[in-house]
Amino acid sequence: MPPRAGHLGKKVRNKLRPFSVVACGLIESGREDAVSTWSIDSDHLDIMQQAMDLACSELAIAETDTFSRERIAFLVTGFMRAGEHDPRKLTIYVVDQFKLPI
């Protein structure tokens, strides 16, 4: 049986584990209903990984800062779902949004 939309297959999950674990924390935390209407393929994961890396670098976010990295991943995912697929534009949007108070 193929995975439902929003679930990562093992091949994709193993390819980009560092980002998929953080960005898809909604699935792993039991909140899979939050992403069940959007599927993520390997091309999307590549774009999201690039945007995540660029945003973390620009904001000087350490790999150990789980809260900030999860927030960045959530923002990247949101902008991807809205239709933006350019890693540089995603980074600009995410950095601007991240600087706003929660």
C-alpha atoms as a PDB file:
ATOM      1  CA  MET A   1       0.000   0.000   0.000  1.00  0.00           C
ATOM      2  CA  PRO A   2       1.523   3.397  -0.972  1.00  0.00           C
ATOM      3  CA  PRO A   3       1.874   6.045   1.740  1.00  0.00           C
ATOM      4  CA  ARG A   4      -0.962   8.538   2.122  1.00  0.00           C
ATOM      5  CA  ALA A   5      -0.463  12.128   1.036  1.00  0.00           C
ATOM      6  CA  GLY A   6       1.596  13.933   3.625  1.00  0.00           C
ATOM      7  CA  HIS A   7       3.535  10.831   4.635  1.00  0.00           C
ATOM      8  CA  LEU A   8       7.106  10.307   3.583  1.00  0.00           C
ATOM      9  CA  GLY A   9       8.061   6.994   2.079  1.00  0.00           C
ATOM     10  CA  LYS A  10      11.160   5.296   3.469  1.00  0.00           C
ATOM     11  CA  LYS A  11      13.253   6.071   0.377  1.00  0.00           C
ATOM     12  CA  VAL A  12      12.612   9.827   0.626  1.00  0.00           C
ATOM     13  CA  ARG A  13      12.852   9.867   4.413  1.00  0.00           C
ATOM     14  CA  ASN A  14      16.244   8.175   4.383  1.00  0.00           C
ATOM     15  CA  LYS A  15      17.544  10.471   1.656  1.00  0.00           C
ATOM     16  CA  LEU A  16      17.155  13.683   3.664  1.00  0.00           C
ATOM     17  CA  ARG A  17      16.693  12.592   7.253  1.00  0.00           C
ATOM     18  CA  PRO A  18      18.009  15.768   8.984  1.00  0.00           C
ATOM     19  CA  PHE A  19      15.375  18.010   7.417  1.00  0.00           C
ATOM     20  CA  SER A  20      12.553  15.489   7.238  1.00  0.00           C
ATOM     21  CA  VAL A  21      12.756  14.741  10.953  1.00  0.00           C
ATOM     22  CA  VAL A  22      12.510  18.437  11.847  1.00  0.00           C
ATOM     23  CA  ALA A  23      10.121  19.628   9.157  1.00  0.00           C
ATOM     24  CA  CYS A  24       7.806  16.682   9.463  1.00  0.00           C
ATOM     25  CA  GLY A  25       7.731  16.753  13.228  1.00  0.00           C
ATOM     26  CA  LEU A  26       3.970  17.214  12.912  1.00  0.00           C
ATOM     27  CA  ILE A  27       3.730  13.694  11.525  1.00  0.00           C
ATOM     28  CA  GLU A  28       6.110  12.219  14.063  1.00  0.00           C
ATOM     29  CA  SER A  29       4.411  13.980  16.972  1.00  0.00           C
ATOM     30  CA  GLY A  30       1.058  12.453  16.061  1.00  0.00           C
ATOM     31  CA  ARG A  31      -0.347  15.561  14.369  1.00  0.00           C
ATOM     32  CA  GLU A  32      -0.369  14.052  10.899  1.00  0.00           C
ATOM     33  CA  ASP A  33      -3.802  15.546  10.228  1.00  0.00           C
ATOM     34  CA  ALA A  34      -2.074  18.951   9.908  1.00  0.00           C
ATOM     35  CA  VAL A  35      -0.278  17.902   6.719  1.00  0.00           C
ATOM     36  CA  SER A  36      -2.493  15.130   5.396  1.00  0.00           C
ATOM     37  CA  THR A  37      -3.656  17.060   2.321  1.00  0.00           C
ATOM     38  CA  TRP A  38      -0.187  17.854   0.949  1.00  0.00           C
ATOM     39  CA  SER A  39       2.369  15.380  -0.283  1.00  0.00           C
ATOM     40  CA  ILE A  40       6.110  15.952  -0.186  1.00  0.00           C
ATOM     41  CA  ASP A  41       8.269  14.465  -2.924  1.00  0.00           C
ATOM     42  CA  SER A  42      12.063  14.377  -3.114  1.00  0.00           C
ATOM     43  CA  ASP A  43      12.223  17.540  -5.257  1.00  0.00           C
ATOM     44  CA  HIS A  44      10.228  19.440  -2.630  1.00  0.00           C
ATOM     45  CA  LEU A  45      12.488  18.101   0.109  1.00  0.00           C
ATOM     46  CA  ASP A  46      15.584  19.259  -1.787  1.00  0.00           C
ATOM     47  CA  ILE A  47      14.131  22.771  -2.098  1.00  0.00           C
ATOM     48  CA  MET A  48      13.036  22.818   1.535  1.00  0.00           C
ATOM     49  CA  GLN A  49      16.473  21.610   2.692  1.00  0.00           C
ATOM     50  CA  GLN A  50      18.193  24.378   0.711  1.00  0.00           C
ATOM     51  CA  ALA A  51      15.858  27.029   2.137  1.00  0.00           C
ATOM     52  CA  MET A  52      16.294  25.632   5.650  1.00  0.00           C
ATOM     53  CA  ASP A  53      20.087  25.672   5.363  1.00  0.00           C
ATOM     54  CA  LEU A  54      20.153  29.192   3.919  1.00  0.00           C
ATOM     55  CA  ALA A  55      17.748  30.573   6.543  1.00  0.00           C
ATOM     56  CA  CYS A  56      19.593  28.950   9.453  1.00  0.00           C
ATOM     57  CA  SER A  57      22.885  30.266   8.116  1.00  0.00           C
ATOM     58  CA  GLU A  58      21.576  33.792   7.615  1.00  0.00           C
ATOM     59  CA  LEU A  59      19.987  33.844  11.080  1.00  0.00           C
ATOM     60  CA  ALA A  60      23.024  32.140  12.696  1.00  0.00           C
ATOM     61  CA  ILE A  61      20.839  29.372  14.128  1.00  0.00           C
ATOM     62  CA  ALA A  62      22.887  26.611  15.742  1.00  0.00           C
ATOM     63  CA  GLU A  63      22.110  22.972  14.957  1.00  0.00           C
ATOM     64  CA  THR A  64      21.394  22.479  18.659  1.00  0.00           C
ATOM     65  CA  ASP A  65      18.683  25.189  18.724  1.00  0.00           C
ATOM     66  CA  THR A  66      15.777  22.811  18.165  1.00  0.00           C
ATOM     67  CA  PHE A  67      13.030  25.357  18.848  1.00  0.00           C
ATOM     68  CA  SER A  68      14.276  27.857  16.258  1.00  0.00           C
ATOM     69  CA  ARG A  69      14.997  25.144  13.683  1.00  0.00           C
ATOM     70  CA  GLU A  70      11.495  23.705  14.082  1.00  0.00           C
ATOM     71  CA  ARG A  71      10.010  27.176  13.699  1.00  0.00           C
ATOM     72  CA  ILE A  72      12.052  27.763  10.520  1.00  0.00           C
ATOM     73  CA  ALA A  73      11.008  24.352   9.160  1.00  0.00           C
ATOM     74  CA  PHE A  74       7.361  25.158   9.888  1.00  0.00           C
ATOM     75  CA  LEU A  75       7.681  28.475   8.022  1.00  0.00           C
ATOM     76  CA  VAL A  76       9.433  26.848   5.053  1.00  0.00           C
ATOM     77  CA  THR A  77       6.705  24.217   4.867  1.00  0.00           C
ATOM     78  CA  GLY A  78       3.990  26.871   4.997  1.00  0.00           C
ATOM     79  CA  PHE A  79       5.462  28.914   2.172  1.00  0.00           C
ATOM     80  CA  MET A  80       6.011  25.751   0.108  1.00  0.00           C
ATOM     81  CA  ARG A  81       2.367  24.808   0.609  1.00  0.00           C
ATOM     82  CA  ALA A  82       1.416  28.323  -0.517  1.00  0.00           C
ATOM     83  CA  GLY A  83       3.186  27.648  -3.813  1.00  0.00           C
ATOM     84  CA  GLU A  84       6.666  29.159  -3.493  1.00  0.00           C
ATOM     85  CA  HIS A  85       9.343  26.765  -4.761  1.00  0.00           C
ATOM     86  CA  ASP A  86      12.421  28.994  -5.143  1.00  0.00           C
ATOM     87  CA  PRO A  87      14.853  28.341  -2.262  1.00  0.00           C
ATOM     88  CA  ARG A  88      16.186  31.922  -2.291  1.00  0.00           C
ATOM     89  CA  LYS A  89      12.697  33.453  -2.148  1.00  0.00           C
ATOM     90  CA  LEU A  90      11.687  30.959   0.529  1.00  0.00           C
ATOM     91  CA  THR A  91      14.716  32.019   2.556  1.00  0.00           C
ATOM     92  CA  ILE A  92      13.820  35.702   2.244  1.00  0.00           C
ATOM     93  CA  TYR A  93      10.225  35.077   3.318  1.00  0.00           C
ATOM     94  CA  VAL A  94      11.239  32.809   6.185  1.00  0.00           C
ATOM     95  CA  VAL A  95      13.911  35.167   7.524  1.00  0.00           C
ATOM     96  CA  ASP A  96      11.504  38.123   7.404  1.00  0.00           C
ATOM     97  CA  GLN A  97       8.752  36.136   9.111  1.00  0.00           C
ATOM     98  CA  PHE A  98      11.137  34.652  11.687  1.00  0.00           C
ATOM     99  CA  LYS A  99      12.212  38.123  12.825  1.00  0.00           C
ATOM    100  CA  LEU A 100       8.623  39.031  13.727  1.00  0.00           C
ATOM    101  CA  PRO A 101       7.593  38.485  17.350  1.00  0.00           C
ATOM    102  CA  ILE A 102       5.630  35.328  18.027  1.00  0.00           C
END
